[in-house]
Amino acid sequence: IEKALHATQQVEDGGRARALAAQVAVKVKQRFAGRVPHAED
C-alpha cells in the first residue's frame, strides 16, 4: 500500500499505509474466519 501511495503521490506518511493494512487485516479476519483466503481475495 505504501508503494502504491508513493506511486500516485497520495502518501502522507507510512502510518497511513499501516492503518489501511490494519483495516484490511480486520476485514480478512471477518470474512475468512476458519478458512484460508487466496491472495486474490
PDB file of all heavy atoms in Angstrom:
ATOM      1  N   ILE A   1       0.843  -1.196   0.000  1.00  0.00           N
ATOM      2  CA  ILE A   1       0.000   0.000   0.000  1.00  0.00           C
ATOM      3  C   ILE A   1       0.878   1.247   0.000  1.00  0.00           C
ATOM      4  O   ILE A   1       0.621   2.204  -0.732  1.00  0.00           O
ATOM      5  CB  ILE A   1      -0.968   0.009   1.195  1.00  0.00           C
ATOM      6  CG1 ILE A   1      -2.032  -1.074   1.019  1.00  0.00           C
ATOM      7  CG2 ILE A   1      -1.617   1.384   1.364  1.00  0.00           C
ATOM      8  CD1 ILE A   1      -2.927  -1.277   2.231  1.00  0.00           C
ATOM      9  N   GLU A   2       1.935   1.240   0.807  1.00  0.00           N
ATOM     10  CA  GLU A   2       2.818   2.405   0.866  1.00  0.00           C
ATOM     11  C   GLU A   2       3.466   2.666  -0.489  1.00  0.00           C
ATOM     12  O   GLU A   2       3.542   3.812  -0.934  1.00  0.00           O
ATOM     13  CB  GLU A   2       3.882   2.216   1.937  1.00  0.00           C
ATOM     14  CG  GLU A   2       4.703   3.477   2.163  1.00  0.00           C
ATOM     15  CD  GLU A   2       5.567   3.401   3.409  1.00  0.00           C
ATOM     16  OE1 GLU A   2       5.647   2.342   4.046  1.00  0.00           O
ATOM     17  OE2 GLU A   2       6.158   4.433   3.741  1.00  0.00           O
ATOM     18  N   LYS A   3       3.894   1.623  -1.178  1.00  0.00           N
ATOM     19  CA  LYS A   3       4.483   1.798  -2.513  1.00  0.00           C
ATOM     20  C   LYS A   3       3.457   2.364  -3.482  1.00  0.00           C
ATOM     21  O   LYS A   3       3.783   3.235  -4.296  1.00  0.00           O
ATOM     22  CB  LYS A   3       5.043   0.472  -3.020  1.00  0.00           C
ATOM     23  CG  LYS A   3       6.303   0.068  -2.297  1.00  0.00           C
ATOM     24  CD  LYS A   3       6.834  -1.250  -2.781  1.00  0.00           C
ATOM     25  CE  LYS A   3       8.081  -1.619  -1.977  1.00  0.00           C
ATOM     26  NZ  LYS A   3       8.695  -2.850  -2.399  1.00  0.00           N
ATOM     27  N   ALA A   4       2.216   1.893  -3.401  1.00  0.00           N
ATOM     28  CA  ALA A   4       1.163   2.415  -4.273  1.00  0.00           C
ATOM     29  C   ALA A   4       0.845   3.871  -3.938  1.00  0.00           C
ATOM     30  O   ALA A   4       0.626   4.684  -4.843  1.00  0.00           O
ATOM     31  CB  ALA A   4      -0.086   1.556  -4.162  1.00  0.00           C
ATOM     32  N   LEU A   5       0.839   4.217  -2.655  1.00  0.00           N
ATOM     33  CA  LEU A   5       0.617   5.608  -2.252  1.00  0.00           C
ATOM     34  C   LEU A   5       1.716   6.513  -2.796  1.00  0.00           C
ATOM     35  O   LEU A   5       1.454   7.614  -3.279  1.00  0.00           O
ATOM     36  CB  LEU A   5       0.540   5.724  -0.726  1.00  0.00           C
ATOM     37  CG  LEU A   5      -0.740   5.213  -0.063  1.00  0.00           C
ATOM     38  CD1 LEU A   5      -0.535   5.076   1.441  1.00  0.00           C
ATOM     39  CD2 LEU A   5      -1.912   6.123  -0.368  1.00  0.00           C
ATOM     40  N   HIS A   6       2.951   6.045  -2.731  1.00  0.00           N
ATOM     41  CA  HIS A   6       4.065   6.823  -3.274  1.00  0.00           C
ATOM     42  C   HIS A   6       3.946   6.967  -4.788  1.00  0.00           C
ATOM     43  O   HIS A   6       4.181   8.047  -5.336  1.00  0.00           O
ATOM     44  CB  HIS A   6       5.410   6.180  -2.921  1.00  0.00           C
ATOM     45  CG  HIS A   6       5.873   6.472  -1.539  1.00  0.00           C
ATOM     46  ND1 HIS A   6       6.272   7.719  -1.114  1.00  0.00           N
ATOM     47  CD2 HIS A   6       5.983   5.660  -0.459  1.00  0.00           C
ATOM     48  CE1 HIS A   6       6.610   7.681   0.150  1.00  0.00           C
ATOM     49  NE2 HIS A   6       6.445   6.432   0.583  1.00  0.00           N
ATOM     50  N   ALA A   7       3.589   5.886  -5.465  1.00  0.00           N
ATOM     51  CA  ALA A   7       3.489   5.901  -6.929  1.00  0.00           C
ATOM     52  C   ALA A   7       2.442   6.894  -7.416  1.00  0.00           C
ATOM     53  O   ALA A   7       2.591   7.482  -8.490  1.00  0.00           O
ATOM     54  CB  ALA A   7       3.165   4.506  -7.451  1.00  0.00           C
ATOM     55  N   THR A   8       1.391   7.082  -6.624  1.00  0.00           N
ATOM     56  CA  THR A   8       0.320   8.006  -7.014  1.00  0.00           C
ATOM     57  C   THR A   8       0.441   9.356  -6.315  1.00  0.00           C
ATOM     58  O   THR A   8      -0.442  10.194  -6.444  1.00  0.00           O
ATOM     59  CB  THR A   8      -1.053   7.394  -6.695  1.00  0.00           C
ATOM     60  OG1 THR A   8      -1.112   7.084  -5.297  1.00  0.00           O
ATOM     61  CG2 THR A   8      -1.303   6.159  -7.523  1.00  0.00           C
ATOM     62  N   GLN A   9       1.508   9.534  -5.583  1.00  0.00           N
ATOM     63  CA  GLN A   9       1.783  10.772  -4.851  1.00  0.00           C
ATOM     64  C   GLN A   9       0.634  11.137  -3.907  1.00  0.00           C
ATOM     65  O   GLN A   9       0.317  12.294  -3.713  1.00  0.00           O
ATOM     66  CB  GLN A   9       2.090  11.919  -5.820  1.00  0.00           C
ATOM     67  CG  GLN A   9       3.307  11.623  -6.662  1.00  0.00           C
ATOM     68  CD  GLN A   9       3.586  12.671  -7.703  1.00  0.00           C
ATOM     69  OE1 GLN A   9       2.728  13.470  -8.058  1.00  0.00           O
ATOM     70  NE2 GLN A   9       4.814  12.678  -8.197  1.00  0.00           N
ATOM     71  N   GLN A  10       0.036  10.106  -3.312  1.00  0.00           N
ATOM     72  CA  GLN A  10      -1.031  10.318  -2.334  1.00  0.00           C
ATOM     73  C   GLN A  10      -0.567   9.946  -0.928  1.00  0.00           C
ATOM     74  O   GLN A  10      -1.376   9.739  -0.040  1.00  0.00           O
ATOM     75  CB  GLN A  10      -2.264   9.486  -2.712  1.00  0.00           C
ATOM     76  CG  GLN A  10      -2.914   9.948  -3.990  1.00  0.00           C
ATOM     77  CD  GLN A  10      -4.200   9.200  -4.272  1.00  0.00           C
ATOM     78  OE1 GLN A  10      -4.200   8.004  -4.488  1.00  0.00           O
ATOM     79  NE2 GLN A  10      -5.302   9.921  -4.265  1.00  0.00           N
ATOM     80  N   VAL A  11       0.732   9.868  -0.748  1.00  0.00           N
ATOM     81  CA  VAL A  11       1.277   9.444   0.531  1.00  0.00           C
ATOM     82  C   VAL A  11       1.335  10.617   1.498  1.00  0.00           C
ATOM     83  O   VAL A  11       1.642  11.739   1.107  1.00  0.00           O
ATOM     84  CB  VAL A  11       2.662   8.787   0.373  1.00  0.00           C
ATOM     85  CG1 VAL A  11       3.707   9.786  -0.072  1.00  0.00           C
ATOM     86  CG2 VAL A  11       3.085   8.113   1.642  1.00  0.00           C
ATOM     87  N   GLU A  12       0.979  10.329   2.724  1.00  0.00           N
ATOM     88  CA  GLU A  12       1.149  11.310   3.783  1.00  0.00           C
ATOM     89  C   GLU A  12       2.304  10.869   4.668  1.00  0.00           C
ATOM     90  O   GLU A  12       3.192  11.640   4.960  1.00  0.00           O
ATOM     91  CB  GLU A  12      -0.153  11.462   4.572  1.00  0.00           C
ATOM     92  CG  GLU A  12      -1.260  12.086   3.735  1.00  0.00           C
ATOM     93  CD  GLU A  12      -2.610  11.967   4.395  1.00  0.00           C
ATOM     94  OE1 GLU A  12      -2.692  11.654   5.588  1.00  0.00           O
ATOM     95  OE2 GLU A  12      -3.605  12.197   3.691  1.00  0.00           O
ATOM     96  N   ASP A  13       2.274   9.627   5.067  1.00  0.00           N
ATOM     97  CA  ASP A  13       3.371   9.016   5.814  1.00  0.00           C
ATOM     98  C   ASP A  13       3.116   7.513   5.876  1.00  0.00           C
ATOM     99  O   ASP A  13       2.057   7.041   5.479  1.00  0.00           O
ATOM    100  CB  ASP A  13       3.512   9.610   7.223  1.00  0.00           C
ATOM    101  CG  ASP A  13       2.267   9.433   8.075  1.00  0.00           C
ATOM    102  OD1 ASP A  13       1.578   8.402   7.933  1.00  0.00           O
ATOM    103  OD2 ASP A  13       1.973  10.324   8.873  1.00  0.00           O
ATOM    104  N   GLY A  14       4.082   6.762   6.365  1.00  0.00           N
ATOM    105  CA  GLY A  14       3.936   5.315   6.464  1.00  0.00           C
ATOM    106  C   GLY A  14       2.815   4.901   7.403  1.00  0.00           C
ATOM    107  O   GLY A  14       2.298   3.791   7.307  1.00  0.00           O
ATOM    108  N   GLY A  15       2.433   5.792   8.287  1.00  0.00           N
ATOM    109  CA  GLY A  15       1.364   5.486   9.233  1.00  0.00           C
ATOM    110  C   GLY A  15       0.039   5.243   8.537  1.00  0.00           C
ATOM    111  O   GLY A  15      -0.750   4.399   8.968  1.00  0.00           O
ATOM    112  N   ARG A  16      -0.204   5.956   7.471  1.00  0.00           N
ATOM    113  CA  ARG A  16      -1.458   5.769   6.738  1.00  0.00           C
ATOM    114  C   ARG A  16      -1.508   4.369   6.121  1.00  0.00           C
ATOM    115  O   ARG A  16      -2.528   3.697   6.177  1.00  0.00           O
ATOM    116  CB  ARG A  16      -1.619   6.835   5.658  1.00  0.00           C
ATOM    117  CG  ARG A  16      -2.966   6.774   4.980  1.00  0.00           C
ATOM    118  CD  ARG A  16      -3.226   7.960   4.115  1.00  0.00           C
ATOM    119  NE  ARG A  16      -4.637   8.032   3.781  1.00  0.00           N
ATOM    120  CZ  ARG A  16      -5.137   8.832   2.886  1.00  0.00           C
ATOM    121  NH1 ARG A  16      -4.352   9.676   2.238  1.00  0.00           N
ATOM    122  NH2 ARG A  16      -6.423   8.833   2.623  1.00  0.00           N
ATOM    123  N   ALA A  17      -0.409   3.936   5.535  1.00  0.00           N
ATOM    124  CA  ALA A  17      -0.358   2.601   4.934  1.00  0.00           C
ATOM    125  C   ALA A  17      -0.563   1.532   6.004  1.00  0.00           C
ATOM    126  O   ALA A  17      -1.299   0.564   5.788  1.00  0.00           O
ATOM    127  CB  ALA A  17       0.970   2.393   4.211  1.00  0.00           C
ATOM    128  N   ARG A  18       0.045   1.711   7.172  1.00  0.00           N
ATOM    129  CA  ARG A  18      -0.119   0.737   8.253  1.00  0.00           C
ATOM    130  C   ARG A  18      -1.566   0.714   8.756  1.00  0.00           C
ATOM    131  O   ARG A  18      -2.115  -0.348   9.033  1.00  0.00           O
ATOM    132  CB  ARG A  18       0.849   1.021   9.387  1.00  0.00           C
ATOM    133  CG  ARG A  18       2.292   0.670   9.028  1.00  0.00           C
ATOM    134  CD  ARG A  18       3.229   0.774  10.223  1.00  0.00           C
ATOM    135  NE  ARG A  18       3.288   2.113  10.796  1.00  0.00           N
ATOM    136  CZ  ARG A  18       4.065   3.104  10.346  1.00  0.00           C
ATOM    137  NH1 ARG A  18       4.849   2.905   9.298  1.00  0.00           N
ATOM    138  NH2 ARG A  18       4.065   4.280  10.941  1.00  0.00           N
ATOM    139  N   ALA A  19      -2.182   1.881   8.864  1.00  0.00           N
ATOM    140  CA  ALA A  19      -3.574   1.949   9.318  1.00  0.00           C
ATOM    141  C   ALA A  19      -4.509   1.282   8.312  1.00  0.00           C
ATOM    142  O   ALA A  19      -5.426   0.540   8.699  1.00  0.00           O
ATOM    143  CB  ALA A  19      -3.985   3.402   9.541  1.00  0.00           C
ATOM    144  N   LEU A  20      -4.285   1.522   7.031  1.00  0.00           N
ATOM    145  CA  LEU A  20      -5.101   0.883   5.994  1.00  0.00           C
ATOM    146  C   LEU A  20      -4.897  -0.634   6.010  1.00  0.00           C
ATOM    147  O   LEU A  20      -5.858  -1.398   5.888  1.00  0.00           O
ATOM    148  CB  LEU A  20      -4.765   1.465   4.621  1.00  0.00           C
ATOM    149  CG  LEU A  20      -5.220   2.916   4.398  1.00  0.00           C
ATOM    150  CD1 LEU A  20      -4.533   3.508   3.176  1.00  0.00           C
ATOM    151  CD2 LEU A  20      -6.734   2.993   4.272  1.00  0.00           C
ATOM    152  N   ALA A  21      -3.655  -1.068   6.163  1.00  0.00           N
ATOM    153  CA  ALA A  21      -3.365  -2.501   6.213  1.00  0.00           C
ATOM    154  C   ALA A  21      -4.033  -3.150   7.428  1.00  0.00           C
ATOM    155  O   ALA A  21      -4.520  -4.285   7.341  1.00  0.00           O
ATOM    156  CB  ALA A  21      -1.860  -2.743   6.241  1.00  0.00           C
ATOM    157  N   ALA A  22      -4.097  -2.443   8.535  1.00  0.00           N
ATOM    158  CA  ALA A  22      -4.770  -2.969   9.731  1.00  0.00           C
ATOM    159  C   ALA A  22      -6.260  -3.146   9.462  1.00  0.00           C
ATOM    160  O   ALA A  22      -6.853  -4.154   9.882  1.00  0.00           O
ATOM    161  CB  ALA A  22      -4.538  -2.039  10.919  1.00  0.00           C
ATOM    162  N   GLN A  23      -6.859  -2.206   8.742  1.00  0.00           N
ATOM    163  CA  GLN A  23      -8.272  -2.334   8.385  1.00  0.00           C
ATOM    164  C   GLN A  23      -8.486  -3.533   7.466  1.00  0.00           C
ATOM    165  O   GLN A  23      -9.463  -4.272   7.606  1.00  0.00           O
ATOM    166  CB  GLN A  23      -8.772  -1.059   7.713  1.00  0.00           C
ATOM    167  CG  GLN A  23      -8.886   0.106   8.654  1.00  0.00           C
ATOM    168  CD  GLN A  23      -9.374   1.361   7.952  1.00  0.00           C
ATOM    169  OE1 GLN A  23      -9.995   1.299   6.903  1.00  0.00           O
ATOM    170  NE2 GLN A  23      -9.086   2.508   8.550  1.00  0.00           N
ATOM    171  N   VAL A  24      -7.569  -3.723   6.531  1.00  0.00           N
ATOM    172  CA  VAL A  24      -7.643  -4.877   5.629  1.00  0.00           C
ATOM    173  C   VAL A  24      -7.565  -6.166   6.437  1.00  0.00           C
ATOM    174  O   VAL A  24      -8.346  -7.100   6.215  1.00  0.00           O
ATOM    175  CB  VAL A  24      -6.524  -4.816   4.561  1.00  0.00           C
ATOM    176  CG1 VAL A  24      -6.414  -6.133   3.799  1.00  0.00           C
ATOM    177  CG2 VAL A  24      -6.749  -3.650   3.605  1.00  0.00           C
ATOM    178  N   ALA A  25      -6.639  -6.234   7.378  1.00  0.00           N
ATOM    179  CA  ALA A  25      -6.476  -7.441   8.194  1.00  0.00           C
ATOM    180  C   ALA A  25      -7.756  -7.765   8.967  1.00  0.00           C
ATOM    181  O   ALA A  25      -8.141  -8.935   9.069  1.00  0.00           O
ATOM    182  CB  ALA A  25      -5.294  -7.287   9.142  1.00  0.00           C
ATOM    183  N   VAL A  26      -8.423  -6.753   9.485  1.00  0.00           N
ATOM    184  CA  VAL A  26      -9.683  -6.962  10.208  1.00  0.00           C
ATOM    185  C   VAL A  26     -10.741  -7.526   9.258  1.00  0.00           C
ATOM    186  O   VAL A  26     -11.453  -8.485   9.594  1.00  0.00           O
ATOM    187  CB  VAL A  26     -10.171  -5.651  10.867  1.00  0.00           C
ATOM    188  CG1 VAL A  26     -11.611  -5.783  11.357  1.00  0.00           C
ATOM    189  CG2 VAL A  26      -9.255  -5.260  12.015  1.00  0.00           C
ATOM    190  N   LYS A  27     -10.846  -6.946   8.074  1.00  0.00           N
ATOM    191  CA  LYS A  27     -11.835  -7.430   7.099  1.00  0.00           C
ATOM    192  C   LYS A  27     -11.536  -8.869   6.678  1.00  0.00           C
ATOM    193  O   LYS A  27     -12.452  -9.682   6.532  1.00  0.00           O
ATOM    194  CB  LYS A  27     -11.857  -6.530   5.868  1.00  0.00           C
ATOM    195  CG  LYS A  27     -12.470  -5.170   6.120  1.00  0.00           C
ATOM    196  CD  LYS A  27     -12.425  -4.331   4.854  1.00  0.00           C
ATOM    197  CE  LYS A  27     -12.974  -2.954   5.092  1.00  0.00           C
ATOM    198  NZ  LYS A  27     -12.956  -2.134   3.863  1.00  0.00           N
ATOM    199  N   VAL A  28     -10.267  -9.179   6.461  1.00  0.00           N
ATOM    200  CA  VAL A  28      -9.886 -10.547   6.080  1.00  0.00           C
ATOM    201  C   VAL A  28     -10.293 -11.507   7.185  1.00  0.00           C
ATOM    202  O   VAL A  28     -10.883 -12.566   6.932  1.00  0.00           O
ATOM    203  CB  VAL A  28      -8.375 -10.638   5.766  1.00  0.00           C
ATOM    204  CG1 VAL A  28      -7.935 -12.090   5.605  1.00  0.00           C
ATOM    205  CG2 VAL A  28      -8.032  -9.834   4.517  1.00  0.00           C
ATOM    206  N   LYS A  29      -9.994 -11.147   8.422  1.00  0.00           N
ATOM    207  CA  LYS A  29     -10.338 -11.998   9.562  1.00  0.00           C
ATOM    208  C   LYS A  29     -11.850 -12.210   9.640  1.00  0.00           C
ATOM    209  O   LYS A  29     -12.310 -13.335   9.863  1.00  0.00           O
ATOM    210  CB  LYS A  29      -9.818 -11.352  10.849  1.00  0.00           C
ATOM    211  CG  LYS A  29     -10.087 -12.149  12.090  1.00  0.00           C
ATOM    212  CD  LYS A  29      -9.510 -11.466  13.317  1.00  0.00           C
ATOM    213  CE  LYS A  29      -9.873 -12.216  14.578  1.00  0.00           C
ATOM    214  NZ  LYS A  29      -9.365 -11.564  15.782  1.00  0.00           N
ATOM    215  N   GLN A  30     -12.622 -11.161   9.423  1.00  0.00           N
ATOM    216  CA  GLN A  30     -14.075 -11.272   9.497  1.00  0.00           C
ATOM    217  C   GLN A  30     -14.638 -12.135   8.369  1.00  0.00           C
ATOM    218  O   GLN A  30     -15.533 -12.944   8.587  1.00  0.00           O
ATOM    219  CB  GLN A  30     -14.718  -9.878   9.439  1.00  0.00           C
ATOM    220  CG  GLN A  30     -14.473  -9.052  10.671  1.00  0.00           C
ATOM    221  CD  GLN A  30     -14.901  -7.601  10.505  1.00  0.00           C
ATOM    222  OE1 GLN A  30     -15.097  -7.112   9.392  1.00  0.00           O
ATOM    223  NE2 GLN A  30     -15.034  -6.896  11.621  1.00  0.00           N
ATOM    224  N   ARG A  31     -14.120 -11.956   7.177  1.00  0.00           N
ATOM    225  CA  ARG A  31     -14.684 -12.648   6.010  1.00  0.00           C
ATOM    226  C   ARG A  31     -14.207 -14.082   5.842  1.00  0.00           C
ATOM    227  O   ARG A  31     -14.876 -14.885   5.205  1.00  0.00           O
ATOM    228  CB  ARG A  31     -14.368 -11.859   4.741  1.00  0.00           C
ATOM    229  CG  ARG A  31     -15.083 -10.529   4.711  1.00  0.00           C
ATOM    230  CD  ARG A  31     -14.797  -9.785   3.452  1.00  0.00           C
ATOM    231  NE  ARG A  31     -15.232  -8.410   3.594  1.00  0.00           N
ATOM    232  CZ  ARG A  31     -15.071  -7.482   2.681  1.00  0.00           C
ATOM    233  NH1 ARG A  31     -14.489  -7.783   1.534  1.00  0.00           N
ATOM    234  NH2 ARG A  31     -15.482  -6.247   2.893  1.00  0.00           N
ATOM    235  N   PHE A  32     -13.038 -14.390   6.386  1.00  0.00           N
ATOM    236  CA  PHE A  32     -12.452 -15.711   6.144  1.00  0.00           C
ATOM    237  C   PHE A  32     -12.188 -16.484   7.435  1.00  0.00           C
ATOM    238  O   PHE A  32     -11.322 -17.345   7.466  1.00  0.00           O
ATOM    239  CB  PHE A  32     -11.165 -15.578   5.322  1.00  0.00           C
ATOM    240  CG  PHE A  32     -11.440 -15.102   3.935  1.00  0.00           C
ATOM    241  CD1 PHE A  32     -11.394 -13.752   3.638  1.00  0.00           C
ATOM    242  CD2 PHE A  32     -11.784 -15.991   2.935  1.00  0.00           C
ATOM    243  CE1 PHE A  32     -11.683 -13.291   2.359  1.00  0.00           C
ATOM    244  CE2 PHE A  32     -12.066 -15.547   1.654  1.00  0.00           C
ATOM    245  CZ  PHE A  32     -12.018 -14.199   1.369  1.00  0.00           C
ATOM    246  N   ALA A  33     -12.945 -16.196   8.459  1.00  0.00           N
ATOM    247  CA  ALA A  33     -12.786 -16.888   9.740  1.00  0.00           C
ATOM    248  C   ALA A  33     -12.850 -18.393   9.519  1.00  0.00           C
ATOM    249  O   ALA A  33     -13.806 -18.906   8.955  1.00  0.00           O
ATOM    250  CB  ALA A  33     -13.868 -16.445  10.713  1.00  0.00           C
ATOM    251  N   GLY A  34     -11.796 -19.079   9.935  1.00  0.00           N
ATOM    252  CA  GLY A  34     -11.762 -20.524   9.822  1.00  0.00           C
ATOM    253  C   GLY A  34     -11.396 -21.044   8.447  1.00  0.00           C
ATOM    254  O   GLY A  34     -11.364 -22.241   8.229  1.00  0.00           O
ATOM    255  N   ARG A  35     -11.136 -20.147   7.499  1.00  0.00           N
ATOM    256  CA  ARG A  35     -10.762 -20.553   6.136  1.00  0.00           C
ATOM    257  C   ARG A  35      -9.473 -19.841   5.745  1.00  0.00           C
ATOM    258  O   ARG A  35      -9.124 -18.818   6.313  1.00  0.00           O
ATOM    259  CB  ARG A  35     -11.847 -20.169   5.131  1.00  0.00           C
ATOM    260  CG  ARG A  35     -13.177 -20.843   5.401  1.00  0.00           C
ATOM    261  CD  ARG A  35     -14.224 -20.453   4.374  1.00  0.00           C
ATOM    262  NE  ARG A  35     -14.581 -19.045   4.529  1.00  0.00           N
ATOM    263  CZ  ARG A  35     -14.851 -18.226   3.516  1.00  0.00           C
ATOM    264  NH1 ARG A  35     -14.800 -18.655   2.281  1.00  0.00           N
ATOM    265  NH2 ARG A  35     -15.188 -16.984   3.746  1.00  0.00           N
ATOM    266  N   VAL A  36      -8.809 -20.373   4.757  1.00  0.00           N
ATOM    267  CA  VAL A  36      -7.582 -19.764   4.239  1.00  0.00           C
ATOM    268  C   VAL A  36      -7.940 -18.917   3.020  1.00  0.00           C
ATOM    269  O   VAL A  36      -8.437 -19.450   2.026  1.00  0.00           O
ATOM    270  CB  VAL A  36      -6.543 -20.840   3.852  1.00  0.00           C
ATOM    271  CG1 VAL A  36      -5.313 -20.201   3.227  1.00  0.00           C
ATOM    272  CG2 VAL A  36      -6.158 -21.675   5.065  1.00  0.00           C
ATOM    273  N   PRO A  37      -7.705 -17.603   3.080  1.00  0.00           N
ATOM    274  CA  PRO A  37      -8.006 -16.768   1.916  1.00  0.00           C
ATOM    275  C   PRO A  37      -6.949 -16.943   0.825  1.00  0.00           C
ATOM    276  O   PRO A  37      -5.807 -17.310   1.103  1.00  0.00           O
ATOM    277  CB  PRO A  37      -7.960 -15.353   2.484  1.00  0.00           C
ATOM    278  CG  PRO A  37      -7.023 -15.441   3.630  1.00  0.00           C
ATOM    279  CD  PRO A  37      -7.205 -16.828   4.203  1.00  0.00           C
ATOM    280  N   HIS A  38      -7.353 -16.696  -0.390  1.00  0.00           N
ATOM    281  CA  HIS A  38      -6.416 -16.673  -1.512  1.00  0.00           C
ATOM    282  C   HIS A  38      -5.827 -15.269  -1.612  1.00  0.00           C
ATOM    283  O   HIS A  38      -6.439 -14.289  -1.171  1.00  0.00           O
ATOM    284  CB  HIS A  38      -7.141 -17.009  -2.818  1.00  0.00           C
ATOM    285  CG  HIS A  38      -7.579 -18.432  -2.897  1.00  0.00           C
ATOM    286  ND1 HIS A  38      -6.879 -19.394  -3.565  1.00  0.00           N
ATOM    287  CD2 HIS A  38      -8.661 -19.065  -2.364  1.00  0.00           C
ATOM    288  CE1 HIS A  38      -7.501 -20.550  -3.456  1.00  0.00           C
ATOM    289  NE2 HIS A  38      -8.583 -20.377  -2.716  1.00  0.00           N
ATOM    290  N   ALA A  39      -4.663 -15.163  -2.204  1.00  0.00           N
ATOM    291  CA  ALA A  39      -4.013 -13.861  -2.380  1.00  0.00           C
ATOM    292  C   ALA A  39      -4.943 -12.886  -3.102  1.00  0.00           C
ATOM    293  O   ALA A  39      -5.006 -11.706  -2.753  1.00  0.00           O
ATOM    294  CB  ALA A  39      -2.705 -14.028  -3.144  1.00  0.00           C
ATOM    295  N   GLU A  40      -5.682 -13.383  -4.094  1.00  0.00           N
ATOM    296  CA  GLU A  40      -6.595 -12.520  -4.849  1.00  0.00           C
ATOM    297  C   GLU A  40      -7.718 -11.979  -3.973  1.00  0.00           C
ATOM    298  O   GLU A  40      -8.164 -10.843  -4.158  1.00  0.00           O
ATOM    299  CB  GLU A  40      -7.185 -13.253  -6.056  1.00  0.00           C
ATOM    300  CG  GLU A  40      -6.183 -13.543  -7.152  1.00  0.00           C
ATOM    301  CD  GLU A  40      -5.350 -14.807  -6.881  1.00  0.00           C
ATOM    302  OE1 GLU A  40      -5.630 -15.540  -5.897  1.00  0.00           O
ATOM    303  OE2 GLU A  40      -4.408 -15.046  -7.639  1.00  0.00           O
ATOM    304  N   ASP A  41      -8.173 -12.782  -3.009  1.00  0.00           N
ATOM    305  CA  ASP A  41      -9.203 -12.321  -2.075  1.00  0.00           C
ATOM    306  C   ASP A  41      -8.692 -11.127  -1.273  1.00  0.00           C
ATOM    307  O   ASP A  41      -9.395 -10.135  -1.087  1.00  0.00           O
ATOM    308  CB  ASP A  41      -9.601 -13.439  -1.101  1.00  0.00           C
ATOM    309  CG  ASP A  41     -10.230 -14.636  -1.785  1.00  0.00           C
ATOM    310  OD1 ASP A  41     -11.007 -14.452  -2.745  1.00  0.00           O
ATOM    311  OD2 ASP A  41      -9.948 -15.774  -1.341  1.00  0.00           O
TER     312      ASP A  41
END
